Amino acid sequence: MAESKAPRATTNRSTTPGSDTFKDYISSNWAERPGDLPEPREQSPFAAARRAALSALHPGKRLVIPAGRAKVRSNDCDYPFRAHSAFSHLTGWGSDTVPGSVLVLEPVDDGHEATLYFRASAGRDSDEFYANPEIGEFWIGPRPSLVQVGADLGLTARDLGELDAVVSTVDGDTLLLREADPELTRRIDDVDSARLADSPARASAEADRASDTASSDDLARDLGELRLVKDAYEIAQMREAVQVTGRGFTDVVADFDEILAHPRGERLVEGTFNRRARADGNTVGYDTIAASGDHACVLHWTRNDGVVRDGDLILIDAGIELDSLYTADITRTLPVSGRFTDVQRLVYEAVLEAADAAFAIVRPGIRFREIHAEAMRVIAERTAEWGFLPVSAAESLEPDHQYHRRYMVHGTSHHLGIDVHDCAAARRDLYLDGVLEPGMVFTIEPGLYFQPDDLTVPEEFRGIGVRIEDDIVVTADGAENLSVGIPRTVADVEAWVARG
């Protein structure tokens, strides 16, 4: 079975002994491993409910959702593996997912039967455990057994080699999450192409192939839309992610003296935050933005190689991803000296006003895009008040003008969860034009960015960038700011930095 072997392994420079004497010796005298089975993890019943919801959307279709494979970083070293979000959402397997795993939902009379295929631990009678640097446990640690994973996730688990039988029988009723595992997608496409080549009605078969691809696109869309409303487990994970992210910000503030003294202080900000992410979570949810001075005017500044100077503002956009893969996404803009200048405070309070105004309207029944519109109303009013716009705020807010957007070109909100930009494949009428429901989680993150060479603003504003970003959950009668405990008002931020 092709899938029972590792897709790659080092052979041209191996010095692993190959004698029968060595093989006999290394395969013997090992203690028995504990046979206790774990209790199903907390998210197991929630994952089962998500699978049931997906099943109802695609009756009679076989659904194939891969976790993906490890990606080579430098020769035989891999990037840290992260399972595809849809796979983790449907299985409850997070940071401990075995690369190459595949979830298959087979249609049955009353819905679907779920089976998880993965490369289980090899026995000590094989040479995999010591000789294969990609998957051997001497190299990367032991993998769980089939029965352990089955008990842990509440799923039927089978060896990955058995997936060959599934692949060999794909047909027009098989829908695949195509983006997750390009190699598996190629294998399935090859089988499907052979099936169509043997079809007597070739033209009709090709049309069916195009329809199958479109249906797989629908699967990817549905997998995103399933996450628009979070269940109780997901909301609890978001709370925890926000909590540990707040600790990461506090760590950075405490290190300001060292950060100021280093020629690449932004890197120290990134490193301090990442230390907390690895200690209290899985990793960072996305590349940390540590943007001091006019770097804060670069929306996705992730080089983080600049100096942090006394008197600057530093914009830190960061989030910690938990082992469940749920992540926070928080931005705070801090005065490095501990005090905002008058102009910095003016800009900061305008952004805070926009954030608070947007939050104030959040409740079930409004449309998602109204949040952005409310934040933009404040941004337009303040920039007009300061004389930066060639027209009034009301005129600038008209769709064919939008002068104020020069100073904030990004959107105000995006859904958040197991992806930092969650539900990205959802249809516009359910996302941007969607109606808010309890359980939706998203950011509110207005900002003002005055580029250092922008001649439309006075010199004292140039090079100031401010963003305030919070994580919001919609409740039955309004909303809750999950990150409100991370200092955000001028007085609280100044006191925070002073304590640090």
Protein backbone atom coordinates (compact mmCIF):
# COMPACT_ATOMS: atom_id res chain seq x y z
CA MET A 1 0.00 0.00 0.00
CA ALA A 2 1.66 3.19 -1.19
CA GLU A 3 0.46 5.37 1.66
CA SER A 4 1.95 3.12 4.34
CA LYS A 5 5.42 4.39 3.45
CA ALA A 6 6.88 7.78 4.21
CA PRO A 7 6.85 10.04 1.12
CA ARG A 8 10.49 10.92 1.64
CA ALA A 9 13.45 9.88 3.77
CA THR A 10 17.16 10.55 3.81
CA THR A 11 19.13 7.77 2.07
CA ASN A 12 22.18 9.28 0.37
CA ARG A 13 23.99 10.18 3.59
CA SER A 14 22.62 7.61 6.01
CA THR A 15 25.07 5.95 8.39
CA THR A 16 22.41 3.85 10.12
CA PRO A 17 23.74 0.32 10.67
CA GLY A 18 22.07 -2.22 8.43
CA SER A 19 23.34 -5.54 9.75
CA ASP A 20 20.94 -8.21 10.96
CA THR A 21 22.78 -8.21 14.29
CA PHE A 22 22.07 -4.51 14.78
CA LYS A 23 18.43 -4.86 13.70
CA ASP A 24 17.88 -7.71 16.13
CA TYR A 25 19.54 -5.78 18.93
CA ILE A 26 17.71 -2.48 18.45
CA SER A 27 14.37 -4.28 18.09
CA SER A 28 14.65 -6.11 21.41
CA ASN A 29 14.46 -5.41 25.15
CA TRP A 30 11.89 -2.61 25.10
CA ALA A 31 9.43 -2.17 27.94
CA GLU A 32 5.74 -2.53 27.25
CA ARG A 33 4.06 0.80 26.63
CA PRO A 34 1.09 1.82 28.78
CA GLY A 35 -2.13 0.50 27.32
CA ASP A 36 -4.54 2.84 29.07
CA LEU A 37 -6.91 4.62 26.72
CA PRO A 38 -7.62 8.33 27.13
CA GLU A 39 -11.05 9.72 27.86
CA PRO A 40 -12.56 11.53 24.86
CA ARG A 41 -11.23 15.07 24.78
CA GLU A 42 -13.54 17.95 25.67
CA GLN A 43 -14.16 19.04 22.09
CA SER A 44 -15.10 15.53 20.89
CA PRO A 45 -18.90 15.94 21.14
CA PHE A 46 -18.69 19.41 19.59
CA ALA A 47 -16.69 18.04 16.65
CA ALA A 48 -19.30 15.30 16.21
CA ALA A 49 -22.05 17.92 16.03
CA ARG A 50 -20.08 19.84 13.40
CA ARG A 51 -19.70 16.67 11.32
CA ALA A 52 -23.44 16.09 11.57
CA ALA A 53 -24.13 19.62 10.35
CA LEU A 54 -21.80 19.10 7.37
CA SER A 55 -23.40 15.72 6.67
CA ALA A 56 -26.82 17.33 6.40
CA LEU A 57 -25.51 19.71 3.72
CA HIS A 58 -24.17 16.92 1.46
CA PRO A 59 -26.42 13.84 1.69
CA GLY A 60 -25.24 10.88 -0.36
CA LYS A 61 -21.79 12.35 -1.01
CA ARG A 62 -18.49 10.95 0.18
CA LEU A 63 -16.58 13.82 1.85
CA VAL A 64 -12.79 13.78 2.06
CA ILE A 65 -11.11 16.34 4.35
CA PRO A 66 -7.32 16.00 4.65
CA ALA A 67 -5.18 17.45 7.40
CA GLY A 68 -2.37 18.20 4.94
CA ARG A 69 1.28 17.25 4.99
CA ALA A 70 4.43 18.66 6.47
CA LYS A 71 6.15 21.20 4.22
CA VAL A 72 9.89 21.15 3.66
CA ARG A 73 11.64 24.23 5.00
CA SER A 74 15.30 23.49 4.24
CA ASN A 75 16.20 20.15 2.71
CA ASP A 76 14.99 17.47 5.16
CA CYS A 77 13.86 19.92 7.84
CA ASP A 78 10.16 20.79 7.89
CA TYR A 79 8.18 23.82 8.88
CA PRO A 80 6.20 23.22 12.06
CA PHE A 81 3.13 21.28 10.99
CA ARG A 82 -0.32 22.78 11.38
CA ALA A 83 -3.35 20.78 10.29
CA HIS A 84 -5.84 22.35 7.91
CA SER A 85 -8.36 24.28 9.96
CA ALA A 86 -11.38 22.45 8.52
CA PHE A 87 -9.86 19.11 9.47
CA SER A 88 -9.21 20.23 13.04
CA HIS A 89 -12.67 21.76 13.30
CA LEU A 90 -14.32 18.48 12.31
CA THR A 91 -12.10 16.11 14.32
CA GLY A 92 -11.08 18.09 17.41
CA TRP A 93 -7.46 17.17 16.67
CA GLY A 94 -5.30 20.26 17.13
CA SER A 95 -1.56 20.79 17.53
CA ASP A 96 -1.01 17.04 18.03
CA THR A 97 -2.45 16.04 14.63
CA VAL A 98 -0.35 13.48 12.78
CA PRO A 99 0.67 14.92 9.37
CA GLY A 100 -0.94 13.25 6.38
CA SER A 101 -4.13 12.29 8.23
CA VAL A 102 -7.43 12.27 6.35
CA LEU A 103 -11.04 12.39 7.57
CA VAL A 104 -13.53 10.58 5.35
CA LEU A 105 -17.30 10.82 5.76
CA GLU A 106 -18.92 7.89 3.97
CA PRO A 107 -22.62 8.24 3.14
CA VAL A 108 -24.98 5.84 4.92
CA ASP A 109 -28.76 5.68 5.13
CA ASP A 110 -29.07 8.13 8.00
CA GLY A 111 -26.21 10.51 7.16
CA HIS A 112 -22.49 9.76 7.15
CA GLU A 113 -20.07 7.47 8.93
CA ALA A 114 -16.81 9.17 9.89
CA THR A 115 -13.43 7.45 9.68
CA LEU A 116 -10.06 8.97 10.48
CA TYR A 117 -7.11 7.59 8.53
CA PHE A 118 -3.63 8.30 9.88
CA ARG A 119 -0.16 6.82 9.99
CA ALA A 120 -0.19 4.90 13.26
CA SER A 121 2.83 4.03 15.36
CA ALA A 122 5.04 1.37 13.81
CA GLY A 123 6.10 -1.65 15.78
CA ARG A 124 9.61 -2.22 17.02
CA ASP A 125 9.86 -5.11 14.57
CA SER A 126 10.13 -2.57 11.75
CA ASP A 127 13.08 -0.29 11.03
CA GLU A 128 10.87 2.82 10.74
CA PHE A 129 11.20 3.86 14.36
CA TYR A 130 14.98 4.31 14.22
CA ALA A 131 15.87 4.62 10.51
CA ASN A 132 13.29 7.02 9.06
CA PRO A 133 14.12 10.65 9.93
CA GLU A 134 10.79 11.95 8.66
CA ILE A 135 8.40 9.85 10.73
CA GLY A 136 10.50 7.59 12.98
CA GLU A 137 9.93 8.05 16.69
CA PHE A 138 13.67 8.27 17.44
CA TRP A 139 13.60 11.41 15.29
CA ILE A 140 10.24 13.08 15.97
CA GLY A 141 8.80 11.17 18.92
CA PRO A 142 6.27 8.35 19.14
CA ARG A 143 2.94 8.46 17.34
CA PRO A 144 -0.26 7.26 19.02
CA SER A 145 -1.91 3.97 18.21
CA LEU A 146 -5.18 3.53 16.35
CA VAL A 147 -7.09 2.63 19.49
CA GLN A 148 -5.65 5.58 21.40
CA VAL A 149 -6.68 8.11 18.75
CA GLY A 150 -10.07 6.48 18.34
CA ALA A 151 -10.76 6.78 22.06
CA ASP A 152 -9.30 10.29 22.26
CA LEU A 153 -11.37 11.76 19.41
CA GLY A 154 -14.42 9.51 19.57
CA LEU A 155 -13.84 8.43 15.96
CA THR A 156 -13.22 5.20 14.09
CA ALA A 157 -9.49 5.22 13.33
CA ARG A 158 -7.76 3.20 10.61
CA ASP A 159 -4.24 3.00 9.27
CA LEU A 160 -3.43 5.43 6.48
CA GLY A 161 -2.56 2.54 4.18
CA GLU A 162 -6.25 1.62 4.09
CA LEU A 163 -7.04 4.96 2.46
CA ASP A 164 -5.86 3.46 -0.85
CA ALA A 165 -9.12 1.51 -1.03
CA VAL A 166 -11.08 4.76 -0.69
CA VAL A 167 -9.01 6.57 -3.32
CA SER A 168 -9.39 3.72 -5.80
CA THR A 169 -13.19 4.01 -5.71
CA VAL A 170 -13.66 7.77 -6.07
CA ASP A 171 -16.47 8.81 -8.37
CA GLY A 172 -18.76 11.72 -9.04
CA ASP A 173 -20.20 11.39 -5.56
CA THR A 174 -16.84 12.12 -3.89
CA LEU A 175 -16.21 15.68 -2.72
CA LEU A 176 -12.67 16.66 -1.71
CA LEU A 177 -11.25 19.64 0.17
CA ARG A 178 -8.80 20.13 -2.68
CA GLU A 179 -6.52 22.78 -1.19
CA ALA A 180 -5.58 20.82 1.92
CA ASP A 181 -3.33 18.12 0.46
CA PRO A 182 -2.12 18.66 -3.14
CA GLU A 183 -0.61 15.19 -3.37
CA LEU A 184 -3.83 13.46 -2.34
CA THR A 185 -5.77 15.75 -4.68
CA ARG A 186 -3.50 14.65 -7.56
CA ARG A 187 -4.01 10.98 -6.72
CA ILE A 188 -7.77 11.35 -6.62
CA ASP A 189 -7.81 13.37 -9.84
CA ASP A 190 -5.75 10.65 -11.56
CA VAL A 191 -8.25 7.98 -10.52
CA ASP A 192 -11.15 10.19 -11.59
CA SER A 193 -9.50 10.94 -14.95
CA ALA A 194 -9.04 7.23 -15.60
CA ARG A 195 -12.68 6.65 -14.73
CA LEU A 196 -13.82 9.33 -17.16
CA ALA A 197 -11.49 8.08 -19.91
CA ASP A 198 -13.22 4.71 -19.76
CA SER A 199 -16.66 6.28 -19.94
CA PRO A 200 -18.48 5.67 -23.25
CA ALA A 201 -20.10 9.12 -23.00
CA ARG A 202 -16.84 11.08 -22.77
CA ALA A 203 -18.33 14.57 -23.28
CA SER A 204 -20.98 13.97 -20.67
CA ALA A 205 -18.36 12.58 -18.31
CA GLU A 206 -16.18 15.67 -18.71
CA ALA A 207 -19.17 17.82 -17.87
CA ASP A 208 -19.69 15.70 -14.78
CA ARG A 209 -16.01 16.28 -13.87
CA ALA A 210 -16.51 20.05 -14.02
CA SER A 211 -19.60 19.67 -11.86
CA ASP A 212 -17.65 17.56 -9.36
CA THR A 213 -15.00 20.29 -9.05
CA ALA A 214 -17.68 22.90 -8.49
CA SER A 215 -19.24 20.70 -5.81
CA SER A 216 -15.86 20.42 -4.10
CA ASP A 217 -15.68 24.21 -4.14
CA ASP A 218 -19.07 24.20 -2.42
CA LEU A 219 -17.62 21.86 0.22
CA ALA A 220 -14.81 24.35 0.97
CA ARG A 221 -17.38 27.13 1.21
CA ASP A 222 -19.62 25.14 3.52
CA LEU A 223 -16.70 24.24 5.78
CA GLY A 224 -16.02 27.95 6.22
CA GLU A 225 -19.63 28.90 6.78
CA LEU A 226 -20.00 26.22 9.46
CA ARG A 227 -17.61 28.30 11.58
CA LEU A 228 -19.50 31.60 11.34
CA VAL A 229 -21.32 30.84 14.61
CA LYS A 230 -19.11 29.41 17.35
CA ASP A 231 -20.26 26.74 19.77
CA ALA A 232 -19.71 26.88 23.53
CA TYR A 233 -16.35 25.08 23.33
CA GLU A 234 -15.06 27.49 20.70
CA ILE A 235 -16.09 30.57 22.67
CA ALA A 236 -14.36 29.19 25.77
CA GLN A 237 -11.22 28.67 23.70
CA MET A 238 -11.41 32.23 22.42
CA ARG A 239 -11.63 33.52 25.99
CA GLU A 240 -8.55 31.55 26.94
CA ALA A 241 -6.63 32.66 23.86
CA VAL A 242 -7.38 36.31 24.68
CA GLN A 243 -6.34 35.80 28.29
CA VAL A 244 -2.93 34.37 27.47
CA THR A 245 -2.43 36.97 24.74
CA GLY A 246 -2.93 39.65 27.37
CA ARG A 247 -0.12 38.07 29.38
CA GLY A 248 2.08 38.25 26.31
CA PHE A 249 1.46 41.99 25.98
CA THR A 250 2.25 42.49 29.65
CA ASP A 251 5.52 40.59 29.18
CA VAL A 252 6.47 43.01 26.40
CA VAL A 253 5.71 46.07 28.53
CA ALA A 254 7.85 44.64 31.32
CA ASP A 255 10.78 44.31 28.90
CA PHE A 256 10.65 47.89 27.57
CA ASP A 257 13.99 48.90 29.10
CA GLU A 258 15.81 46.08 27.33
CA ILE A 259 13.80 46.65 24.15
CA LEU A 260 14.78 50.35 24.07
CA ALA A 261 18.45 49.50 24.53
CA HIS A 262 18.67 47.10 21.57
CA PRO A 263 19.31 48.28 17.98
CA ARG A 264 16.57 45.93 16.78
CA GLY A 265 14.17 46.38 19.64
CA GLU A 266 11.21 45.34 17.51
CA ARG A 267 12.74 41.86 17.34
CA LEU A 268 12.85 41.72 21.13
CA VAL A 269 9.15 42.61 21.23
CA GLU A 270 8.46 39.73 18.85
CA GLY A 271 10.68 37.34 20.81
CA THR A 272 9.20 38.22 24.19
CA PHE A 273 5.67 37.70 22.90
CA ASN A 274 6.59 34.45 21.14
CA ARG A 275 8.06 33.11 24.37
CA ARG A 276 4.69 33.50 26.06
CA ALA A 277 2.95 31.96 23.04
CA ARG A 278 5.07 28.83 23.26
CA ALA A 279 4.79 28.66 27.05
CA ASP A 280 1.02 29.11 27.35
CA GLY A 281 -0.19 28.04 23.92
CA ASN A 282 0.88 26.27 20.77
CA THR A 283 2.50 29.20 18.98
CA VAL A 284 1.57 32.63 17.67
CA GLY A 285 -1.63 32.73 15.65
CA TYR A 286 0.08 34.78 12.92
CA ASP A 287 3.34 36.67 12.44
CA THR A 288 3.59 39.30 15.16
CA ILE A 289 3.57 42.93 14.07
CA ALA A 290 5.93 44.98 16.25
CA ALA A 291 5.90 48.36 14.53
CA SER A 292 7.61 51.27 16.23
CA GLY A 293 7.55 54.87 14.99
CA ASP A 294 6.57 55.26 11.36
CA HIS A 295 6.72 51.47 10.87
CA ALA A 296 3.23 51.57 12.44
CA CYS A 297 2.01 53.12 9.19
CA VAL A 298 2.87 49.87 7.36
CA LEU A 299 -0.23 47.77 7.96
CA HIS A 300 1.49 44.37 7.87
CA TRP A 301 4.93 45.27 9.19
CA THR A 302 6.39 41.89 10.16
CA ARG A 303 10.09 42.46 9.45
CA ASN A 304 10.34 43.77 12.99
CA ASP A 305 13.95 44.82 12.54
CA GLY A 306 13.72 48.42 13.68
CA VAL A 307 14.84 50.34 16.73
CA VAL A 308 12.30 51.28 19.40
CA ARG A 309 12.91 54.88 20.43
CA ASP A 310 11.84 56.77 23.50
CA GLY A 311 8.98 59.07 22.50
CA ASP A 312 7.69 56.75 19.76
CA LEU A 313 4.44 54.88 19.68
CA ILE A 314 4.77 51.15 19.12
CA LEU A 315 1.90 49.28 17.48
CA ILE A 316 1.82 45.62 18.50
CA ASP A 317 -0.59 43.33 16.66
CA ALA A 318 -0.29 39.83 18.09
CA GLY A 319 -2.25 36.77 19.13
CA ILE A 320 -1.58 33.46 20.79
CA GLU A 321 -2.85 30.23 19.22
CA LEU A 322 -3.82 27.49 21.68
CA ASP A 323 -3.21 23.78 21.20
CA SER A 324 -6.77 23.59 19.89
CA LEU A 325 -5.59 26.03 17.14
CA TYR A 326 -8.01 28.80 18.20
CA THR A 327 -6.29 32.17 18.25
CA ALA A 328 -6.73 35.66 19.59
CA ASP A 329 -5.98 38.76 17.49
CA ILE A 330 -5.26 41.87 19.54
CA THR A 331 -3.65 45.22 18.74
CA ARG A 332 -2.50 47.78 21.24
CA THR A 333 -0.59 51.00 20.48
CA LEU A 334 1.63 52.05 23.35
CA PRO A 335 3.69 55.16 24.14
CA VAL A 336 7.17 53.81 24.72
CA SER A 337 8.03 56.64 27.12
CA GLY A 338 4.92 55.98 29.18
CA ARG A 339 3.13 59.15 28.13
CA PHE A 340 1.34 60.13 24.93
CA THR A 341 2.29 63.45 23.40
CA ASP A 342 -0.60 65.82 22.74
CA VAL A 343 -0.78 64.87 19.05
CA GLN A 344 -0.38 61.15 19.77
CA ARG A 345 -3.17 61.36 22.32
CA LEU A 346 -5.44 63.20 19.87
CA VAL A 347 -5.01 60.47 17.26
CA TYR A 348 -5.28 57.65 19.80
CA GLU A 349 -8.51 58.95 21.29
CA ALA A 350 -10.06 59.32 17.83
CA VAL A 351 -9.29 55.66 17.08
CA LEU A 352 -10.61 54.61 20.48
CA GLU A 353 -13.79 56.60 19.84
CA ALA A 354 -14.23 54.79 16.51
CA ALA A 355 -13.71 51.41 18.17
CA ASP A 356 -16.17 52.17 20.96
CA ALA A 357 -18.78 53.52 18.55
CA ALA A 358 -18.55 50.37 16.43
CA PHE A 359 -18.82 48.11 19.48
CA ALA A 360 -21.84 50.03 20.79
CA ILE A 361 -24.03 49.03 17.83
CA VAL A 362 -23.16 45.31 17.86
CA ARG A 363 -26.18 43.14 18.56
CA PRO A 364 -28.03 40.29 16.85
CA GLY A 365 -29.92 41.40 13.79
CA ILE A 366 -27.62 44.11 12.41
CA ARG A 367 -25.51 43.47 9.35
CA PHE A 368 -21.81 42.84 9.70
CA ARG A 369 -20.91 45.71 7.37
CA GLU A 370 -22.66 48.21 9.65
CA ILE A 371 -19.79 47.84 12.14
CA HIS A 372 -17.30 49.16 9.60
CA ALA A 373 -19.65 51.95 8.56
CA GLU A 374 -19.98 53.16 12.15
CA ALA A 375 -16.23 53.20 12.72
CA MET A 376 -15.72 55.05 9.43
CA ARG A 377 -18.25 57.68 10.47
CA VAL A 378 -16.02 58.63 13.40
CA ILE A 379 -12.83 58.50 11.33
CA ALA A 380 -14.38 60.81 8.74
CA GLU A 381 -15.67 63.23 11.37
CA ARG A 382 -12.33 63.51 13.17
CA THR A 383 -10.16 63.87 10.07
CA ALA A 384 -12.59 66.50 8.72
CA GLU A 385 -12.52 68.31 12.06
CA TRP A 386 -8.72 68.45 11.89
CA GLY A 387 -8.90 69.95 8.40
CA PHE A 388 -7.39 66.98 6.55
CA LEU A 389 -10.27 66.45 4.10
CA PRO A 390 -11.13 68.59 1.08
CA VAL A 391 -14.85 68.13 1.84
CA SER A 392 -17.09 67.72 4.88
CA ALA A 393 -17.29 64.44 6.75
CA ALA A 394 -20.75 63.80 5.33
CA GLU A 395 -19.53 64.33 1.78
CA SER A 396 -16.46 62.18 2.34
CA LEU A 397 -18.66 59.32 3.56
CA GLU A 398 -20.48 59.22 0.23
CA PRO A 399 -19.48 56.10 -1.75
CA ASP A 400 -17.95 58.07 -4.62
CA HIS A 401 -15.71 60.17 -2.35
CA GLN A 402 -14.18 58.35 0.69
CA TYR A 403 -11.35 60.86 1.22
CA HIS A 404 -10.98 59.77 4.85
CA ARG A 405 -10.05 56.26 3.74
CA ARG A 406 -6.60 57.63 2.77
CA TYR A 407 -5.82 57.35 6.47
CA MET A 408 -7.42 53.91 7.02
CA VAL A 409 -7.54 51.74 3.94
CA HIS A 410 -8.29 48.44 5.70
CA GLY A 411 -11.57 47.06 6.98
CA THR A 412 -12.74 47.33 10.57
CA SER A 413 -13.67 43.72 11.27
CA HIS A 414 -13.06 40.12 10.29
CA HIS A 415 -14.33 36.86 11.73
CA LEU A 416 -11.97 35.12 14.12
CA GLY A 417 -11.56 31.59 15.46
CA ILE A 418 -9.52 28.60 14.39
CA ASP A 419 -8.13 30.88 11.65
CA VAL A 420 -7.10 34.43 12.38
CA HIS A 421 -9.18 35.44 9.35
CA ASP A 422 -11.85 32.81 9.90
CA CYS A 423 -14.59 31.76 7.50
CA ALA A 424 -12.82 33.41 4.55
CA ALA A 425 -14.54 31.17 1.98
CA ALA A 426 -18.02 32.11 3.18
CA ARG A 427 -20.35 33.82 0.74
CA ARG A 428 -20.62 37.61 0.88
CA ASP A 429 -24.30 37.49 1.82
CA LEU A 430 -23.37 35.47 4.91
CA TYR A 431 -20.18 37.37 5.74
CA LEU A 432 -19.93 41.07 4.86
CA ASP A 433 -23.66 41.38 4.22
CA GLY A 434 -24.54 38.75 6.79
CA VAL A 435 -26.81 39.30 9.79
CA LEU A 436 -25.16 39.00 13.19
CA GLU A 437 -26.12 36.02 15.35
CA PRO A 438 -25.23 35.12 18.93
CA GLY A 439 -21.97 33.18 18.97
CA MET A 440 -20.26 35.07 16.16
CA VAL A 441 -16.73 36.14 17.05
CA PHE A 442 -14.88 38.88 15.20
CA THR A 443 -12.48 41.77 15.60
CA ILE A 444 -13.13 45.49 15.77
CA GLU A 445 -9.91 47.23 14.72
CA PRO A 446 -10.10 50.79 13.43
CA GLY A 447 -6.92 52.77 12.95
CA LEU A 448 -5.38 55.99 11.68
CA TYR A 449 -2.12 55.98 9.76
CA PHE A 450 -0.40 59.17 8.70
CA GLN A 451 2.47 58.25 6.41
CA PRO A 452 5.78 60.01 7.11
CA ASP A 453 5.69 61.69 3.67
CA ASP A 454 1.96 62.55 3.56
CA LEU A 455 1.68 66.23 2.67
CA THR A 456 -2.08 66.29 3.34
CA VAL A 457 -1.48 66.38 7.10
CA PRO A 458 0.58 68.72 9.31
CA GLU A 459 4.14 67.67 9.97
CA GLU A 460 3.49 66.81 13.61
CA PHE A 461 1.02 64.08 12.52
CA ARG A 462 3.34 62.45 9.99
CA GLY A 463 4.71 59.06 10.98
CA ILE A 464 2.00 58.39 13.58
CA GLY A 465 0.16 55.09 13.24
CA VAL A 466 -2.46 53.93 15.74
CA ARG A 467 -4.65 50.83 15.75
CA ILE A 468 -6.76 49.42 18.57
CA GLU A 469 -8.09 45.90 18.02
CA ASP A 470 -10.37 43.89 20.25
CA ASP A 471 -12.03 40.48 19.97
CA ILE A 472 -15.82 40.54 20.21
CA VAL A 473 -18.46 37.85 20.73
CA VAL A 474 -22.12 38.50 19.91
CA THR A 475 -24.44 37.67 22.80
CA ALA A 476 -28.21 37.15 22.92
CA ASP A 477 -28.89 40.84 23.48
CA GLY A 478 -25.69 42.66 22.51
CA ALA A 479 -21.99 41.88 22.57
CA GLU A 480 -19.05 41.24 24.88
CA ASN A 481 -15.56 42.61 24.38
CA LEU A 482 -13.40 39.59 25.26
CA SER A 483 -10.23 41.71 25.39
CA VAL A 484 -11.51 44.70 27.33
CA GLY A 485 -9.26 43.70 30.24
CA ILE A 486 -6.14 44.47 28.19
CA PRO A 487 -5.59 48.22 28.83
CA ARG A 488 -6.98 50.38 26.04
CA THR A 489 -7.89 53.84 27.37
CA VAL A 490 -5.24 56.57 27.46
CA ALA A 491 -5.09 56.58 31.27
CA ASP A 492 -4.98 52.78 31.54
CA VAL A 493 -2.33 52.40 28.86
CA GLU A 494 -0.09 55.05 30.43
CA ALA A 495 -0.45 53.42 33.85
CA TRP A 496 0.28 50.01 32.32
CA VAL A 497 3.50 51.19 30.70
CA ALA A 498 4.52 53.04 33.88
CA ARG A 499 4.11 49.88 35.96
CA GLY A 500 6.11 47.91 33.42
